[in-house]
N, C-alpha and C. Protein backbone atom coordinates (compact mmCIF):
# COMPACT_ATOMS: atom_id res chain seq x y z
N MET A 1 53.33 -189.96 -140.77
CA MET A 1 54.92 -190.44 -142.01
C MET A 1 55.86 -189.29 -141.55
N SER A 2 56.74 -189.84 -141.55
CA SER A 2 57.96 -189.03 -140.98
C SER A 2 58.38 -188.42 -141.92
N PHE A 3 58.96 -187.54 -141.83
CA PHE A 3 59.97 -186.88 -143.09
C PHE A 3 60.25 -187.55 -144.44
N ILE A 4 61.50 -188.50 -143.39
CA ILE A 4 62.08 -189.64 -144.35
C ILE A 4 60.82 -190.29 -144.82
N GLU A 5 60.38 -191.06 -144.54
CA GLU A 5 58.95 -191.47 -145.02
C GLU A 5 58.62 -191.15 -146.62
N LYS A 6 58.76 -189.57 -146.31
CA LYS A 6 57.61 -188.83 -147.58
C LYS A 6 59.36 -188.42 -148.80
N ILE A 7 59.87 -189.46 -148.98
CA ILE A 7 61.02 -189.13 -150.07
C ILE A 7 61.15 -190.47 -150.63
N ALA A 8 61.39 -190.29 -151.61
CA ALA A 8 62.01 -191.36 -152.52
C ALA A 8 63.18 -190.79 -153.47
N SER A 9 64.08 -191.50 -153.41
CA SER A 9 65.31 -191.16 -154.27
C SER A 9 65.88 -192.35 -155.28
N VAL A 10 66.11 -191.31 -156.08
CA VAL A 10 66.54 -192.29 -157.24
C VAL A 10 68.18 -191.77 -157.26
N ILE A 11 69.26 -192.47 -156.87
CA ILE A 11 70.40 -192.03 -156.77
C ILE A 11 71.36 -193.46 -157.17
N CYS A 12 71.30 -194.42 -156.53
CA CYS A 12 72.20 -195.34 -157.13
C CYS A 12 71.04 -196.37 -157.08
N PRO A 13 71.17 -197.29 -158.14
CA PRO A 13 70.07 -198.14 -158.49
C PRO A 13 70.33 -199.14 -157.85
N VAL A 14 69.69 -199.77 -156.84
CA VAL A 14 69.68 -200.76 -155.67
C VAL A 14 68.81 -201.94 -156.38
N LEU A 15 68.93 -202.88 -156.76
CA LEU A 15 68.41 -203.78 -156.99
C LEU A 15 68.35 -205.30 -156.08
N MET A 16 67.40 -206.26 -156.05
CA MET A 16 67.72 -206.84 -155.26
C MET A 16 67.53 -208.74 -155.87
N PRO A 17 68.26 -208.93 -155.45
CA PRO A 17 68.17 -210.89 -156.36
C PRO A 17 66.63 -211.25 -156.46
N VAL A 18 65.82 -210.46 -157.02
CA VAL A 18 64.32 -210.97 -157.18
C VAL A 18 64.16 -210.87 -158.12
N SER A 19 62.81 -211.17 -158.74
CA SER A 19 61.98 -210.79 -159.91
C SER A 19 62.13 -208.99 -160.42
N ILE A 20 62.16 -208.60 -161.93
CA ILE A 20 61.86 -206.98 -161.94
C ILE A 20 60.94 -206.53 -161.11
N ILE A 21 60.09 -207.27 -161.49
CA ILE A 21 58.06 -206.57 -160.73
C ILE A 21 58.26 -206.47 -159.80
N GLU A 22 58.90 -207.78 -158.55
CA GLU A 22 59.08 -207.44 -157.00
C GLU A 22 59.70 -206.28 -156.95
N ASN A 23 61.30 -205.96 -157.88
CA ASN A 23 61.67 -205.25 -157.30
C ASN A 23 61.27 -203.56 -157.22
N ILE A 24 60.16 -203.12 -158.63
CA ILE A 24 59.24 -202.15 -158.52
C ILE A 24 58.24 -202.09 -157.27
N THR A 25 57.35 -203.01 -157.27
CA THR A 25 56.61 -203.14 -156.04
C THR A 25 56.41 -203.85 -154.87
N MET A 26 58.06 -204.08 -154.65
CA MET A 26 58.76 -204.03 -152.99
C MET A 26 57.71 -205.05 -152.64
N PHE A 27 57.87 -206.16 -153.01
CA PHE A 27 56.55 -207.41 -152.75
C PHE A 27 55.25 -207.17 -152.32
N ASN A 28 54.37 -206.26 -153.00
CA ASN A 28 53.67 -206.03 -152.44
C ASN A 28 52.41 -206.37 -154.41
N PRO A 29 52.24 -207.59 -153.93
CA PRO A 29 51.24 -208.09 -155.33
C PRO A 29 49.97 -206.89 -155.51
N ALA A 30 49.56 -206.56 -154.65
CA ALA A 30 48.53 -205.45 -155.24
C ALA A 30 49.01 -204.50 -155.74
N LEU A 31 50.14 -204.13 -155.56
CA LEU A 31 50.47 -202.91 -156.85
C LEU A 31 51.13 -203.34 -158.25
N LYS A 32 50.38 -204.87 -158.63
CA LYS A 32 51.32 -205.24 -159.74
C LYS A 32 50.45 -204.18 -161.00
N ASP A 33 49.83 -204.25 -161.03
CA ASP A 33 48.28 -203.92 -162.49
C ASP A 33 48.94 -202.46 -162.80
N LYS A 34 49.58 -201.66 -161.05
CA LYS A 34 49.71 -199.76 -161.34
C LYS A 34 51.16 -199.83 -161.48
N ALA A 35 51.89 -200.92 -161.62
CA ALA A 35 53.47 -200.98 -161.80
C ALA A 35 53.42 -201.26 -162.98
N ILE A 36 53.07 -202.81 -163.68
CA ILE A 36 52.88 -202.37 -164.87
C ILE A 36 52.49 -201.77 -165.77
N ALA A 37 51.63 -200.26 -165.63
CA ALA A 37 50.62 -199.38 -166.20
C ALA A 37 52.11 -198.76 -166.48
N LEU A 38 53.29 -198.90 -165.52
CA LEU A 38 53.95 -197.24 -165.14
C LEU A 38 55.13 -197.75 -166.14
N LEU A 39 55.29 -199.05 -166.22
CA LEU A 39 56.37 -199.51 -167.51
C LEU A 39 57.03 -198.71 -168.86
N LYS A 40 55.41 -198.17 -169.58
CA LYS A 40 55.60 -197.50 -170.90
C LYS A 40 55.90 -195.70 -170.24
N ASP A 41 56.26 -195.25 -169.08
CA ASP A 41 56.23 -193.88 -168.53
C ASP A 41 58.02 -193.97 -168.23
N VAL A 42 58.34 -195.48 -168.16
CA VAL A 42 60.00 -195.32 -168.03
C VAL A 42 60.80 -195.35 -168.88
N LYS A 43 59.96 -196.05 -169.49
CA LYS A 43 60.74 -196.80 -170.91
C LYS A 43 61.08 -197.99 -171.13
N LEU A 44 60.65 -198.26 -169.97
CA LEU A 44 61.19 -199.99 -169.31
C LEU A 44 60.63 -200.85 -170.86
N GLN A 45 59.24 -200.64 -170.98
CA GLN A 45 58.63 -201.98 -171.67
C GLN A 45 59.08 -202.59 -172.90
N LYS A 46 59.89 -202.17 -173.58
CA LYS A 46 60.41 -202.90 -174.42
C LYS A 46 61.34 -203.11 -173.94
N ASP A 47 62.31 -203.32 -172.94
CA ASP A 47 63.74 -204.03 -172.32
C ASP A 47 62.80 -205.30 -171.81
N ILE A 48 61.53 -204.96 -171.14
CA ILE A 48 60.86 -206.00 -170.42
C ILE A 48 60.44 -206.94 -171.49
N ALA A 49 59.81 -206.58 -172.50
CA ALA A 49 60.00 -207.44 -173.49
C ALA A 49 60.76 -208.23 -174.43
N LYS A 50 62.15 -208.14 -174.30
CA LYS A 50 63.47 -208.59 -174.47
C LYS A 50 63.15 -209.71 -173.69
N PHE A 51 63.06 -210.19 -172.28
CA PHE A 51 63.32 -210.70 -171.74
C PHE A 51 62.50 -211.58 -171.52
N LYS A 52 63.30 -213.69 -171.81
CA LYS A 52 62.56 -214.26 -171.95
C LYS A 52 60.87 -214.36 -171.37
N SER A 53 61.74 -214.03 -169.49
CA SER A 53 60.57 -214.33 -168.71
C SER A 53 59.99 -212.97 -168.39
N GLY A 54 60.30 -212.06 -169.12
CA GLY A 54 59.24 -210.54 -169.07
C GLY A 54 59.56 -210.01 -168.06
N ILE A 55 58.34 -209.28 -166.82
CA ILE A 55 58.77 -209.03 -165.83
C ILE A 55 58.63 -209.64 -164.57
N ASP A 56 58.84 -210.90 -165.08
CA ASP A 56 59.39 -212.14 -163.95
C ASP A 56 60.34 -212.94 -163.95
N THR A 57 61.20 -211.44 -164.97
CA THR A 57 62.81 -211.94 -164.91
C THR A 57 63.24 -211.47 -163.85
N GLN A 58 64.32 -212.62 -163.38
CA GLN A 58 64.92 -212.53 -161.83
C GLN A 58 66.19 -212.09 -162.27
N VAL A 59 66.20 -210.77 -161.01
CA VAL A 59 67.51 -209.74 -161.18
C VAL A 59 68.51 -210.72 -160.92
N ASN A 60 69.84 -210.68 -161.61
CA ASN A 60 70.60 -211.49 -160.98
C ASN A 60 71.72 -210.03 -160.72
N VAL A 61 71.90 -209.98 -159.60
CA VAL A 61 73.27 -209.14 -158.67
C VAL A 61 74.77 -209.03 -159.15
N GLU A 62 74.52 -210.23 -159.26
CA GLU A 62 76.22 -210.91 -159.55
C GLU A 62 76.20 -210.88 -160.96
N LYS A 63 75.66 -211.42 -161.70
CA LYS A 63 76.42 -211.13 -163.49
C LYS A 63 75.54 -210.09 -163.90
N GLU A 64 74.72 -209.28 -163.46
CA GLU A 64 74.05 -207.99 -164.07
C GLU A 64 73.52 -208.53 -165.21
N ASN A 65 72.69 -209.34 -165.30
CA ASN A 65 72.33 -209.02 -166.36
C ASN A 65 71.00 -208.20 -166.95
N LEU A 66 70.99 -206.79 -166.39
CA LEU A 66 70.26 -205.71 -166.22
C LEU A 66 71.12 -204.97 -166.85
N SER A 67 71.06 -203.42 -167.89
CA SER A 67 72.06 -202.71 -168.32
C SER A 67 71.94 -201.13 -166.76
N GLY A 68 72.76 -200.45 -166.79
CA GLY A 68 72.88 -199.21 -166.05
C GLY A 68 71.36 -198.65 -166.17
N GLY A 69 71.38 -198.40 -167.60
CA GLY A 69 69.67 -197.84 -167.73
C GLY A 69 68.72 -198.29 -167.28
N GLN A 70 68.97 -199.85 -167.82
CA GLN A 70 67.41 -200.94 -167.28
C GLN A 70 67.27 -200.70 -165.72
N LYS A 71 68.49 -200.33 -165.05
CA LYS A 71 68.40 -200.62 -163.27
C LYS A 71 67.60 -199.18 -163.23
N GLN A 72 68.00 -198.09 -163.87
CA GLN A 72 67.45 -196.92 -163.46
C GLN A 72 66.26 -197.14 -163.66
N LYS A 73 65.88 -197.48 -164.53
CA LYS A 73 63.65 -197.21 -165.17
C LYS A 73 63.76 -198.43 -164.09
N VAL A 74 64.48 -198.95 -163.63
CA VAL A 74 62.85 -200.38 -162.66
C VAL A 74 63.20 -199.08 -161.29
N VAL A 75 64.33 -198.50 -160.89
CA VAL A 75 64.21 -197.65 -159.41
C VAL A 75 63.21 -196.58 -159.94
N LEU A 76 63.20 -195.86 -161.77
CA LEU A 76 62.60 -194.77 -161.51
C LEU A 76 60.88 -195.29 -161.67
N ALA A 77 60.50 -196.51 -161.92
CA ALA A 77 59.52 -197.07 -162.08
C ALA A 77 58.52 -197.54 -160.36
N ARG A 78 59.75 -197.68 -159.47
CA ARG A 78 59.11 -197.87 -158.28
C ARG A 78 59.01 -196.50 -157.58
N THR A 79 59.43 -195.72 -157.88
CA THR A 79 59.50 -194.01 -157.10
C THR A 79 58.02 -193.46 -157.77
N LEU A 80 57.80 -193.85 -159.08
CA LEU A 80 56.46 -193.31 -159.36
C LEU A 80 55.52 -194.07 -158.80
N LEU A 81 55.62 -194.87 -158.48
CA LEU A 81 54.29 -196.53 -158.10
C LEU A 81 54.06 -195.73 -156.53
N TYR A 82 55.29 -195.59 -156.07
CA TYR A 82 55.15 -194.76 -154.24
C TYR A 82 54.55 -193.59 -154.39
N GLN A 83 54.88 -192.79 -155.08
CA GLN A 83 54.29 -192.09 -155.01
C GLN A 83 54.51 -190.48 -153.81
N LYS A 84 55.39 -190.39 -153.63
CA LYS A 84 55.79 -189.92 -152.34
C LYS A 84 56.81 -188.31 -152.89
N PRO A 85 55.97 -187.68 -151.93
CA PRO A 85 55.69 -185.40 -152.55
C PRO A 85 57.14 -184.88 -152.38
N LEU A 86 57.97 -186.24 -152.27
CA LEU A 86 59.58 -185.13 -152.34
C LEU A 86 60.79 -186.12 -153.47
N ILE A 87 60.95 -185.96 -154.42
CA ILE A 87 61.51 -187.15 -155.22
C ILE A 87 63.38 -186.34 -155.20
N LEU A 88 64.41 -187.04 -154.36
CA LEU A 88 65.61 -186.94 -155.31
C LEU A 88 65.96 -187.90 -156.34
N MET A 89 66.84 -187.22 -157.29
CA MET A 89 67.19 -188.15 -158.31
C MET A 89 68.89 -187.62 -158.25
N ASP A 90 69.44 -188.20 -158.03
CA ASP A 90 71.22 -187.95 -158.22
C ASP A 90 71.69 -188.78 -159.92
N GLU A 91 71.61 -188.35 -160.37
CA GLU A 91 71.73 -188.98 -161.89
C GLU A 91 71.40 -189.91 -162.27
N GLY A 92 70.02 -189.68 -161.51
CA GLY A 92 69.01 -190.39 -162.02
C GLY A 92 68.57 -191.23 -163.51
N THR A 93 68.74 -190.38 -164.40
CA THR A 93 68.58 -190.81 -166.12
C THR A 93 70.38 -190.88 -166.62
N SER A 94 71.12 -190.88 -165.65
CA SER A 94 72.79 -190.66 -166.71
C SER A 94 73.00 -191.92 -167.50
N ALA A 95 72.89 -193.02 -166.83
CA ALA A 95 72.82 -194.36 -167.84
C ALA A 95 71.42 -195.12 -169.10
N ILE A 96 70.38 -193.59 -169.40
CA ILE A 96 69.51 -193.89 -170.04
C ILE A 96 69.72 -192.68 -171.45
N ASP A 97 69.17 -193.53 -172.39
CA ASP A 97 69.28 -192.62 -174.06
C ASP A 97 68.73 -191.15 -173.70
N ALA A 98 69.31 -189.95 -174.07
CA ALA A 98 68.82 -188.32 -174.53
C ALA A 98 67.32 -188.49 -174.14
N GLN A 99 66.61 -189.66 -175.23
CA GLN A 99 65.49 -188.87 -175.67
C GLN A 99 64.68 -189.85 -174.64
N SER A 100 65.19 -190.87 -174.15
CA SER A 100 63.82 -190.96 -173.25
C SER A 100 64.15 -190.55 -171.89
N ALA A 101 65.43 -190.27 -171.83
CA ALA A 101 65.25 -189.35 -170.42
C ALA A 101 65.06 -187.84 -170.06
N GLU A 102 64.78 -187.55 -171.62
CA GLU A 102 63.51 -186.33 -171.82
C GLU A 102 62.33 -186.58 -171.34
N ASP A 103 62.05 -188.03 -172.19
CA ASP A 103 60.08 -188.38 -171.76
C ASP A 103 60.28 -188.92 -170.55
N ILE A 104 61.57 -189.33 -169.38
CA ILE A 104 61.08 -189.65 -167.98
C ILE A 104 60.38 -188.66 -167.34
N LEU A 105 61.58 -187.96 -167.61
CA LEU A 105 61.49 -186.35 -166.76
C LEU A 105 60.31 -185.57 -166.87
N LYS A 106 59.85 -185.56 -168.28
CA LYS A 106 58.58 -184.72 -168.27
C LYS A 106 57.37 -185.62 -168.20
N THR A 107 57.46 -186.62 -167.57
CA THR A 107 56.34 -187.84 -166.61
C THR A 107 56.99 -187.13 -165.14
N VAL A 108 57.88 -187.18 -165.06
CA VAL A 108 57.95 -186.95 -163.51
C VAL A 108 58.03 -185.68 -162.85
N THR A 109 58.10 -184.34 -164.02
CA THR A 109 57.90 -183.44 -163.42
C THR A 109 56.28 -182.95 -163.65
N GLN A 110 55.49 -184.05 -164.05
CA GLN A 110 54.06 -183.57 -164.25
C GLN A 110 53.21 -184.26 -163.04
N ILE A 111 53.72 -184.87 -162.31
CA ILE A 111 53.18 -185.80 -161.00
C ILE A 111 53.70 -184.64 -160.03
N ASP A 112 52.34 -184.89 -158.79
CA ASP A 112 52.21 -183.70 -157.77
C ASP A 112 53.41 -184.25 -156.61
N ALA A 113 54.31 -183.53 -157.37
CA ALA A 113 55.82 -183.89 -155.78
C ALA A 113 56.42 -182.58 -156.35
N THR A 114 57.75 -182.47 -155.29
CA THR A 114 58.78 -181.93 -155.24
C THR A 114 60.21 -182.60 -155.84
N VAL A 115 60.37 -182.13 -157.16
CA VAL A 115 61.39 -182.34 -157.56
C VAL A 115 62.92 -182.14 -157.79
N ILE A 116 63.94 -182.63 -157.23
CA ILE A 116 65.35 -181.93 -157.32
C ILE A 116 65.89 -182.97 -157.88
N VAL A 117 66.50 -183.09 -158.87
CA VAL A 117 67.40 -183.41 -160.37
C VAL A 117 68.85 -182.87 -159.80
N ILE A 118 69.93 -183.26 -159.48
CA ILE A 118 71.14 -183.39 -160.05
C ILE A 118 71.92 -184.21 -161.01
N ALA A 119 72.00 -183.20 -162.35
CA ALA A 119 72.76 -184.13 -163.14
C ALA A 119 73.68 -183.29 -163.70
N HIS A 120 74.24 -183.71 -164.62
CA HIS A 120 75.74 -183.14 -165.50
C HIS A 120 74.99 -183.20 -166.84
N ASN A 121 74.29 -183.81 -167.14
CA ASN A 121 73.77 -184.66 -168.84
C ASN A 121 72.40 -183.63 -168.88
N LEU A 122 72.09 -182.94 -168.70
CA LEU A 122 70.55 -181.93 -168.95
C LEU A 122 70.73 -180.94 -170.14
N THR A 123 69.81 -181.51 -170.90
CA THR A 123 69.93 -180.55 -172.39
C THR A 123 69.54 -179.52 -172.12
N THR A 124 69.54 -178.52 -173.15
CA THR A 124 68.37 -177.18 -172.84
C THR A 124 66.90 -177.45 -172.77
N GLU A 125 66.34 -178.48 -173.86
CA GLU A 125 64.91 -178.88 -173.74
C GLU A 125 64.58 -179.89 -172.23
N MET A 126 65.50 -180.55 -171.15
CA MET A 126 64.99 -180.62 -170.06
C MET A 126 65.49 -180.16 -168.71
N LYS A 127 65.98 -178.77 -168.89
CA LYS A 127 66.02 -177.79 -168.18
C LYS A 127 65.12 -176.97 -168.28
N GLN A 128 64.06 -177.05 -169.40
CA GLN A 128 62.88 -176.66 -169.23
C GLN A 128 62.12 -176.67 -169.11
N LEU A 129 62.11 -178.07 -167.98
CA LEU A 129 61.04 -178.68 -167.93
C LEU A 129 61.04 -178.16 -165.77
N PHE A 130 61.87 -177.56 -165.83
CA PHE A 130 61.84 -177.56 -164.14
C PHE A 130 61.92 -175.82 -163.70
N ASP A 131 60.70 -175.85 -162.60
CA ASP A 131 60.64 -174.24 -162.46
C ASP A 131 61.88 -173.41 -162.36
N ARG A 132 62.91 -174.12 -161.99
CA ARG A 132 64.51 -173.52 -161.35
C ARG A 132 65.82 -174.50 -161.74
N GLU A 133 66.84 -173.67 -162.20
CA GLU A 133 68.15 -174.65 -162.01
C GLU A 133 68.66 -173.69 -161.20
N ILE A 134 69.29 -174.56 -160.25
CA ILE A 134 70.52 -173.67 -159.11
C ILE A 134 71.74 -174.37 -159.49
N LYS A 135 72.62 -173.67 -159.66
CA LYS A 135 73.67 -174.11 -159.96
C LYS A 135 74.53 -173.66 -158.65
N LEU A 136 75.44 -174.96 -158.33
CA LEU A 136 76.48 -175.07 -157.37
C LEU A 136 77.70 -174.45 -158.43
N LYS A 137 78.72 -173.61 -157.36
CA LYS A 137 80.04 -172.79 -157.81
C LYS A 137 81.05 -173.06 -156.61
N ASN A 138 82.03 -173.48 -157.45
CA ASN A 138 83.12 -173.75 -156.16
C ASN A 138 83.95 -172.33 -155.64
N LEU A 139 83.02 -172.59 -153.72
CA LEU A 139 82.68 -171.74 -153.03
C LEU A 139 84.67 -171.85 -152.05
N LYS A 140 85.62 -171.76 -152.69
CA LYS A 140 86.42 -171.75 -152.22
C LYS A 140 86.87 -170.83 -151.43
């Protein structure tokens, strides 16, 4: 596996015009049950319950039938499903409410991976989940 293949990114939630479950499993039906089990970890189960077709709801990229937070949760579920050893999250929970974001970060920081989070909205409690905090300053 190349270095690039070892990286999962939650940067800009890009979804395809297919079902929510296909966006999570990336068209691997063998992963469907495991993906469904992850919905709770990324706080997506309540959102899915609101959709008439549940996990089979088709993502409409033009009409945006998913909110920004729902898109982030789908990408987070995909990230957890594929268990890459390096996870890069750039504002990966920015559109998700603070309590859900904290719960998701608790899950992400407990997996066997190096997790790098870039965020401007981390609470003190969220920051305590990580081994270290690196602040970049203006180096003119």
